[in-house]
Protein backbone atom coordinates (compact mmCIF):
# COMPACT_ATOMS: atom_id res chain seq x y z
CA MET A 1 53.97 -2.59 -66.66
CA ARG A 2 54.38 0.71 -67.69
CA LYS A 3 52.05 2.11 -70.66
CA ASN A 4 53.63 2.89 -73.86
CA ASP A 5 52.98 6.07 -75.67
CA LYS A 6 52.90 4.51 -79.16
CA TYR A 7 49.92 2.49 -78.84
CA PRO A 8 48.80 0.66 -82.34
CA PHE A 9 45.57 0.08 -83.45
CA PRO A 10 45.27 -3.57 -83.99
CA MET A 11 44.19 -5.32 -87.57
CA THR A 12 40.85 -6.23 -86.79
CA LYS A 13 38.33 -7.76 -89.22
CA LYS A 14 36.92 -3.38 -89.06
CA ALA A 15 40.55 -2.42 -89.39
CA LEU A 16 41.41 -4.72 -92.58
CA ALA A 17 37.89 -3.97 -94.13
CA ALA A 18 38.82 -0.26 -93.97
CA TYR A 19 42.27 -0.71 -95.67
CA ILE A 20 41.24 -2.86 -98.62
CA VAL A 21 38.28 0.01 -99.17
CA PHE A 22 41.00 2.52 -99.21
CA THR A 23 43.32 0.72 -101.26
CA VAL A 24 40.23 -0.20 -103.93
CA LEU A 25 39.36 3.49 -103.66
CA MET A 26 42.54 4.68 -104.22
CA GLY A 27 42.98 1.95 -107.31
CA ILE A 28 39.88 3.51 -108.74
CA PHE A 29 41.64 6.77 -108.33
CA LEU A 30 45.01 6.00 -110.08
CA PHE A 31 43.11 3.97 -112.93
CA PHE A 32 40.17 6.33 -114.32
CA ILE A 33 40.95 9.40 -113.09
CA ARG A 34 44.70 9.44 -113.37
CA GLY A 35 44.70 7.70 -116.09
CA ASP A 36 48.54 7.10 -117.39
CA MET A 37 50.46 4.52 -117.70
CA ALA A 38 52.24 4.41 -114.08
CA GLY A 39 48.70 5.01 -112.29
CA LYS A 40 47.52 1.36 -114.33
CA LEU A 41 50.10 0.13 -113.87
CA ALA A 42 49.96 1.09 -109.79
CA ALA A 43 46.09 0.00 -109.83
CA CYS A 44 46.57 -3.40 -111.22
CA ILE A 45 49.68 -4.21 -109.41
CA VAL A 46 50.66 -2.55 -106.38
CA CYS A 47 46.92 -2.14 -105.07
CA PRO A 48 46.60 -5.74 -104.90
CA ILE A 49 49.67 -6.36 -103.81
CA ILE A 50 48.99 -3.92 -100.75
CA ILE A 51 45.83 -5.91 -100.13
CA LEU A 52 47.19 -9.59 -100.17
CA TYR A 53 49.75 -7.41 -97.40
CA PHE A 54 47.13 -6.52 -95.17
CA ILE A 55 45.47 -9.53 -95.38
CA TYR A 56 48.63 -11.50 -94.53
CA ALA A 57 49.80 -9.43 -92.01
CA TYR A 58 45.82 -9.79 -90.27
CA CYS A 59 45.67 -13.61 -90.73
CA LYS A 60 49.22 -13.44 -88.91
CA GLU A 61 48.09 -11.57 -85.79
CA ARG A 62 44.94 -13.39 -85.49
CA LYS A 63 47.24 -16.98 -85.71
CA ALA A 64 49.69 -15.46 -83.26
CA ASP A 65 46.62 -14.55 -80.76
CA ALA A 66 45.27 -17.91 -81.24
CA LYS A 67 48.42 -19.10 -80.29
CA ALA A 68 48.60 -16.65 -77.37
CA ASP A 69 45.57 -17.59 -75.87
CA GLN A 70 46.28 -21.02 -75.95
CA LYS A 71 49.61 -20.43 -73.80
CA LYS A 72 47.43 -18.32 -71.97
CA THR A 73 45.01 -21.25 -70.85
CA GLN A 74 48.41 -23.27 -69.93
CA PHE A 75 49.87 -20.60 -67.99
CA MET A 76 46.55 -19.84 -65.70
CA ASN A 77 45.68 -23.40 -65.22
CA GLY A 78 49.41 -24.42 -64.43
CA SER A 79 49.64 -26.87 -66.87
CA TYR A 80 52.55 -25.45 -68.33
CA PHE A 81 54.61 -24.94 -65.55
CA ASP A 82 53.91 -28.65 -64.23
CA SER A 83 54.92 -30.49 -67.71
CA PRO A 84 57.84 -32.80 -67.65
CA GLU A 85 59.12 -30.88 -70.60
CA TRP A 86 59.38 -27.41 -68.67
CA HIS A 87 60.33 -29.03 -65.69
CA GLU A 88 63.26 -30.57 -67.50
CA LYS A 89 64.30 -27.27 -69.04
CA TYR A 90 64.22 -25.84 -65.34
CA VAL A 91 66.58 -28.52 -63.97
CA ALA A 92 68.81 -27.91 -66.77
CA TYR A 93 68.63 -24.52 -66.55
CA LEU A 94 69.66 -25.05 -62.68
CA ASN A 95 72.16 -27.08 -62.97
CA GLU A 96 73.73 -24.48 -65.89
CA HIS A 97 72.78 -21.05 -63.80
CA PRO A 98 72.76 -21.40 -60.00
CA PHE A 99 72.24 -18.34 -58.23
CA GLU A 100 75.44 -15.92 -58.30
CA LYS A 101 76.85 -14.21 -55.33
CA PRO A 102 77.95 -10.38 -54.70
CA GLN A 103 81.71 -10.05 -56.33
CA TYR A 104 82.95 -7.24 -53.70
CA ASP A 105 83.11 -7.44 -50.31
CA SER A 106 81.31 -4.01 -49.99
CA MET A 107 77.57 -3.70 -50.94
CA ARG A 108 78.01 -0.02 -52.24
CA ALA A 109 80.66 -1.07 -54.39
CA ASP A 110 79.16 -4.33 -55.64
CA LEU A 111 75.91 -2.42 -56.32
CA LEU A 112 77.63 0.49 -58.44
CA LYS A 113 79.52 -1.94 -60.54
CA LYS A 114 76.47 -3.49 -61.20
CA PHE A 115 75.23 -0.52 -62.87
CA GLN A 116 78.28 -0.24 -64.92
CA ARG A 117 77.24 -1.67 -67.86
CA ARG A 118 78.42 -1.45 -71.59
CA GLU A 119 75.31 -0.47 -73.24
CA TYR A 120 74.46 2.92 -70.67
CA ILE A 121 78.02 3.45 -72.34
CA PHE A 122 76.91 3.08 -75.82
CA GLY A 123 73.59 5.41 -75.05
CA MET A 124 76.73 8.11 -74.06
CA ILE A 125 78.44 8.37 -77.26
CA LEU A 126 76.00 9.41 -79.64
CA PRO A 127 74.49 12.57 -77.17
CA LEU A 128 77.92 13.09 -76.66
CA PHE A 129 78.80 13.02 -80.22
CA LEU A 130 76.17 15.45 -81.28
CA MET A 131 76.75 17.99 -78.65
CA MET A 132 80.41 18.11 -80.03
CA CYS A 133 78.95 18.22 -83.52
CA SER A 134 76.39 21.24 -82.05
CA LEU A 135 79.74 23.11 -81.02
CA CYS A 136 80.88 23.28 -84.49
CA LEU A 137 78.29 25.71 -85.54
CA ILE A 138 79.94 28.93 -82.99
CA PRO A 139 82.07 29.58 -85.87
CA MET A 140 78.61 30.10 -88.10
CA GLY A 141 77.13 32.03 -85.71
CA GLN A 142 74.21 30.09 -84.84
CA TYR A 143 74.22 30.61 -81.32
CA PHE A 144 70.92 29.79 -80.17
CA MET A 145 71.20 26.28 -82.38
CA VAL A 146 74.10 25.55 -79.97
CA ILE A 147 72.68 25.89 -76.88
CA LEU A 148 69.76 24.35 -77.74
CA GLY A 149 71.53 21.11 -78.91
CA LEU A 150 74.24 21.20 -75.90
CA LEU A 151 70.85 21.57 -73.89
CA LEU A 152 68.83 18.60 -75.63
CA PHE A 153 71.98 16.39 -76.33
CA GLY A 154 73.39 17.23 -72.72
CA PHE A 155 70.05 15.78 -71.03
CA LEU A 156 69.77 12.81 -73.08
CA PHE A 157 73.54 12.01 -72.03
CA TRP A 158 73.18 12.40 -68.59
CA LEU A 159 70.09 10.29 -68.96
CA SER A 160 72.40 7.07 -69.71
CA PHE A 161 75.50 8.70 -67.51
CA SER A 162 73.76 8.92 -64.17
CA VAL A 163 72.33 5.22 -64.58
CA PHE A 164 75.87 4.60 -65.35
CA ILE A 165 77.59 5.91 -62.57
CA GLY A 166 74.86 4.62 -60.02
CA MET A 167 72.83 7.74 -59.29
CA PRO A 168 69.94 5.11 -57.89
CA VAL A 169 72.41 3.41 -55.87
CA ARG A 170 73.99 6.76 -54.40
CA LYS A 171 70.69 8.23 -53.61
CA TRP A 172 68.94 5.13 -51.80
CA LEU A 173 72.21 4.94 -49.69
CA LYS A 174 72.13 8.68 -48.47
CA SER A 175 68.53 8.03 -47.06
CA ASP A 176 67.76 6.82 -44.08
CA ILE A 177 69.03 2.74 -44.20
CA ASP A 178 70.85 0.62 -41.60
CA TYR A 179 73.43 -0.12 -43.78
CA PRO A 180 75.78 -2.35 -41.52
CA VAL A 181 72.94 -4.75 -41.04
CA LEU A 182 71.82 -4.38 -45.14
CA GLU A 183 75.63 -5.12 -45.76
CA ALA A 184 75.46 -8.21 -43.73
CA SER A 185 72.41 -9.56 -45.57
CA TYR A 186 74.09 -8.91 -49.03
CA LEU A 187 77.20 -9.98 -48.71
CA ASN A 188 75.73 -13.27 -47.77
CA SER A 189 72.92 -13.74 -50.36
CA GLN A 190 72.31 -15.98 -53.23
CA MET A 191 71.52 -13.37 -56.47
CA LEU A 192 69.31 -13.48 -59.66
CA LEU A 193 70.54 -11.10 -62.22
CA TYR A 194 68.58 -10.32 -65.80
CA LYS A 195 69.12 -7.68 -67.69
CA THR A 196 69.52 -4.42 -65.82
CA ASN A 197 67.61 -6.21 -62.78
CA ALA A 198 68.72 -8.28 -59.94
CA LEU A 199 66.92 -10.56 -57.00
CA ALA A 200 69.33 -11.06 -53.79
CA PHE A 201 68.33 -13.34 -51.21
CA GLY A 202 70.07 -12.22 -48.17
CA THR A 203 70.05 -13.58 -44.84
CA THR A 204 67.67 -11.06 -43.05
CA HIS A 205 66.44 -8.83 -46.03
CA LEU A 206 65.25 -9.75 -49.42
CA HIS A 207 67.17 -7.24 -51.81
CA GLY A 208 66.36 -6.30 -55.03
CA PHE A 209 67.36 -3.24 -57.73
CA THR A 210 66.12 -2.54 -61.12
CA GLU A 211 67.46 0.24 -63.51
CA LYS A 212 65.38 3.45 -60.97
CA LYS A 213 65.29 1.33 -57.92
CA ILE A 214 66.61 -0.53 -54.72
CA TYR A 215 64.86 -2.15 -52.62
CA ALA A 216 65.84 -4.06 -49.26
CA ILE A 217 62.70 -5.93 -47.78
CA ASP A 218 62.73 -7.51 -44.43
CA TYR A 219 61.32 -10.94 -44.77
CA LYS A 220 59.14 -10.41 -42.00
CA ASN A 221 56.98 -8.14 -44.10
CA VAL A 222 56.87 -10.20 -47.06
CA GLU A 223 53.21 -11.63 -47.47
CA GLY A 224 53.90 -13.43 -50.93
CA ILE A 225 54.74 -13.90 -53.92
CA SER A 226 53.73 -13.99 -57.33
CA ARG A 227 54.09 -14.50 -61.15
CA LYS A 228 53.27 -11.85 -63.63
CA ILE A 229 54.00 -12.49 -67.32
CA VAL A 230 53.12 -9.87 -70.10
CA ARG A 231 52.42 -11.10 -73.78
CA LEU A 232 54.34 -8.03 -75.70
CA LYS A 233 53.39 -7.66 -78.95
CA LYS A 234 55.80 -5.72 -81.37
CA TYR A 235 54.72 -3.89 -84.27
CA GLU A 236 56.22 -2.87 -87.44
CA ASP A 237 54.86 0.41 -88.72
CA GLY A 238 51.82 -0.36 -87.07
CA ILE A 239 51.50 -3.96 -88.65
CA TYR A 240 52.26 -6.75 -86.28
CA ASN A 241 55.74 -8.37 -86.35
CA THR A 242 56.70 -10.78 -83.41
CA GLU A 243 56.09 -11.19 -80.26
CA GLU A 244 57.68 -11.57 -76.69
CA TYR A 245 56.80 -12.72 -73.27
CA GLN A 246 58.02 -11.04 -70.11
CA HIS A 247 58.09 -12.50 -66.84
CA PHE A 248 58.01 -10.80 -63.40
CA ALA A 249 58.32 -11.89 -59.85
CA VAL A 250 55.87 -9.83 -57.92
CA ILE A 251 56.65 -9.55 -54.36
CA HIS A 252 54.06 -8.85 -51.75
CA VAL A 253 54.83 -6.40 -49.40
CA ARG A 254 52.84 -5.44 -45.98
CA LEU A 255 54.41 -2.03 -45.17
CA PRO A 256 54.85 -1.79 -41.62
CA GLU A 257 54.34 2.19 -41.29
CA SER A 258 51.03 2.14 -43.06
CA GLY A 259 49.85 -1.42 -42.71
CA THR A 260 48.99 -1.39 -46.79
CA LEU A 261 49.87 -3.88 -49.48
CA TYR A 262 52.64 -3.08 -51.81
CA ASN A 263 53.65 -4.90 -54.70
CA VAL A 264 57.31 -5.13 -55.71
CA GLU A 265 57.82 -6.35 -59.73
CA ILE A 266 61.36 -7.85 -60.90
CA GLU A 267 61.68 -8.58 -64.34
CA LEU A 268 63.63 -12.24 -64.47
CA ASN A 269 63.33 -15.10 -66.87
CA GLU A 270 60.87 -17.69 -66.77
CA PHE A 271 62.99 -19.87 -64.57
CA GLN A 272 64.65 -17.35 -62.76
CA VAL A 273 60.93 -16.48 -61.54
CA GLN A 274 60.59 -20.17 -60.22
CA MET A 275 63.80 -20.26 -58.45
CA ALA A 276 62.80 -17.18 -56.55
CA ILE A 277 59.42 -18.37 -55.81
CA ASP A 278 61.18 -21.55 -54.83
CA ARG A 279 63.87 -19.87 -52.75
CA LEU A 280 61.30 -17.53 -50.60
CA LEU A 281 59.40 -20.63 -49.77
CA THR A 282 62.22 -21.36 -47.46
CA TYR A 283 62.45 -18.33 -45.43
CA LYS A 284 58.94 -17.96 -44.07
CA ASN A 285 58.44 -21.51 -41.77
CA GLY A 286 57.00 -23.10 -44.22
CA GLU A 287 54.13 -20.81 -44.83
CA ASP A 288 52.68 -20.97 -48.54
CA LEU A 289 53.68 -17.86 -50.23
CA ARG A 290 52.63 -18.71 -53.36
CA GLU A 291 50.10 -15.95 -54.96
CA ASN A 292 47.68 -15.85 -57.75
CA LEU A 293 49.26 -15.75 -61.46
CA TYR A 294 48.47 -12.91 -63.56
CA VAL A 295 48.62 -12.46 -67.40
CA ASN A 296 48.68 -9.65 -69.16
CA GLU A 297 48.96 -7.85 -72.82
CA ASN A 298 50.84 -5.04 -73.47
CA LYS A 299 51.67 -3.94 -77.59
CA LYS A 300 54.53 -2.04 -78.43
CA ASN A 301 55.07 -0.32 -82.13
CA GLU A 302 58.66 -1.23 -82.79
CA ILE A 303 60.47 -0.27 -85.68
CA VAL A 304 62.83 -2.88 -86.86
CA VAL A 305 65.65 -2.63 -89.03
């Protein structure tokens, strides 16, 4: 899981006390030093409301953390995934969302088509519009701003456009791969699709892709599979707002050249991860490939409109 640059400060007891002390001092300043009617009203009404909001935010995050600790315990001891309730939901999901098949008779065409997603088109519209706006500065003689705008917004446009045209796929196809063998395996695969990711169980290889990378792993190099769960805490302006759990199928691969163990992480939903575990177990002659469960926590400062 990549680190987030905007890592917020959690609402601890010390942070809560610091916020309250600061708000009280601000109230004293507004009431006694500023001293006007607006300052007194702010000190008597606004500051107490702010303090109550900080206390509410603290209690909300602590309550969420307590629930998350209980859920983590259930994840680690297996009771969550072994419960009859979860198993019932899993069976219902299997019936409603079976494995998918490639849509085209060419691996190249099918992979490129899967990268042509609507969100990438939306990601190109705004930079393209801003590039057009930058050109409007030419009659005003703002040539430096025109060049700067074209470079900046052009780069943002390229980020979405390169993914939309399947640049990761094109680079992978140009690498040293045995295309006929991989295509034969891919076209007969059973596939799980989630967001911009996919995991496909072919006849000879395990195929997968994310937004940035394509994988084709020979089954004989697969050492095991595990489930990784990340608790993603979302913050609004530094205050805890909500959370979600991200589930990853972690494929443990023994690199044939060096012999080192390499982990391939593909994000899926919690039921698809179980489908991947159950499916992969059938390809290794009865070997138990299940590994440990990993539960991590990540924090993300997100502005919610």
